[in-house]
């Protein structure tokens, strides 16, 4: 029973991470366009953050979430058993 609850919690969190990651990637992309000086690259003039690192983090989270959903779907019976 505990495995089933953990399975569904991880699955729901992974599913929710996908639209959040997409939104964050788009939002940070807009920040790169408007908050950086021309030719300055990825450093925000407003916050000083490296926006390319932030986008990379969200892309990695998106890929991990998709892989986790696929693995949880494939091995559902073995996990919940």
Protein backbone atom coordinates (compact mmCIF):
# COMPACT_ATOMS: atom_id res chain seq x y z
CA UNK A 1 0.00 0.00 0.00
CA UNK A 2 2.84 2.40 0.83
CA UNK A 3 4.54 1.65 -2.50
CA UNK A 4 1.32 2.50 -4.31
CA UNK A 5 1.03 5.88 -2.55
CA UNK A 6 4.68 6.72 -3.22
CA UNK A 7 4.27 5.65 -6.86
CA UNK A 8 1.32 7.95 -7.43
CA UNK A 9 2.90 10.88 -5.56
CA UNK A 10 6.08 10.65 -7.67
CA UNK A 11 4.01 10.28 -10.84
CA UNK A 12 1.85 13.32 -10.05
CA UNK A 13 4.89 15.44 -9.14
CA UNK A 14 6.60 14.42 -12.38
CA UNK A 15 3.53 15.30 -14.42
CA UNK A 16 3.23 18.68 -12.71
CA UNK A 17 6.93 19.39 -13.31
CA UNK A 18 6.47 19.33 -17.10
CA UNK A 19 4.27 22.43 -17.53
CA UNK A 20 6.21 24.20 -14.78
CA UNK A 21 9.49 23.54 -16.58
CA UNK A 22 8.11 24.69 -19.93
CA UNK A 23 6.80 27.90 -18.36
CA UNK A 24 10.11 28.54 -16.61
CA UNK A 25 12.09 27.98 -19.82
CA UNK A 26 9.87 30.42 -21.74
CA UNK A 27 9.94 32.95 -18.90
CA UNK A 28 13.72 32.82 -18.63
CA UNK A 29 14.02 33.08 -22.41
CA UNK A 30 12.02 36.31 -22.29
CA UNK A 31 14.32 37.51 -19.52
CA UNK A 32 17.35 36.78 -21.70
CA UNK A 33 15.82 38.84 -24.48
CA UNK A 34 14.91 41.89 -22.42
CA UNK A 35 17.25 41.86 -19.39
CA UNK A 36 20.60 41.35 -21.06
CA UNK A 37 22.59 43.88 -22.98
CA UNK A 38 23.29 43.21 -26.62
CA UNK A 39 26.23 40.86 -26.92
CA UNK A 40 26.55 40.45 -23.16
CA UNK A 41 25.31 36.86 -23.27
CA UNK A 42 23.40 35.40 -20.40
CA UNK A 43 24.00 37.67 -17.41
CA UNK A 44 20.92 39.65 -16.38
CA UNK A 45 21.47 43.40 -15.96
CA UNK A 46 18.67 43.52 -13.38
CA UNK A 47 19.40 40.59 -11.08
CA UNK A 48 22.94 39.62 -12.08
CA UNK A 49 21.93 35.97 -12.47
CA UNK A 50 23.29 33.72 -15.19
CA UNK A 51 20.08 33.06 -17.12
CA UNK A 52 21.61 30.36 -19.34
CA UNK A 53 22.35 28.26 -16.25
CA UNK A 54 18.75 28.67 -15.11
CA UNK A 55 17.44 27.54 -18.50
CA UNK A 56 19.80 24.56 -18.45
CA UNK A 57 18.49 23.57 -15.01
CA UNK A 58 14.86 23.67 -16.19
CA UNK A 59 15.67 21.71 -19.36
CA UNK A 60 17.37 19.00 -17.30
CA UNK A 61 14.38 18.88 -14.94
CA UNK A 62 12.05 18.55 -17.93
CA UNK A 63 14.02 15.64 -19.38
CA UNK A 64 14.25 13.90 -16.00
CA UNK A 65 10.49 14.28 -15.50
CA UNK A 66 9.71 12.80 -18.90
CA UNK A 67 12.09 9.88 -18.37
CA UNK A 68 10.67 9.28 -14.90
CA UNK A 69 7.10 9.23 -16.23
CA UNK A 70 8.08 6.76 -18.93
CA UNK A 71 9.88 4.49 -16.48
CA UNK A 72 7.03 4.63 -14.00
CA UNK A 73 4.57 3.75 -16.74
CA UNK A 74 6.66 0.85 -18.05
CA UNK A 75 7.43 -0.69 -14.66
CA UNK A 76 4.14 0.09 -12.92
CA UNK A 77 3.27 -3.52 -12.12
CA UNK A 78 6.72 -4.31 -10.77
CA UNK A 79 6.78 -1.22 -8.56
CA UNK A 80 3.30 -1.49 -7.09
CA UNK A 81 3.47 -5.27 -6.58
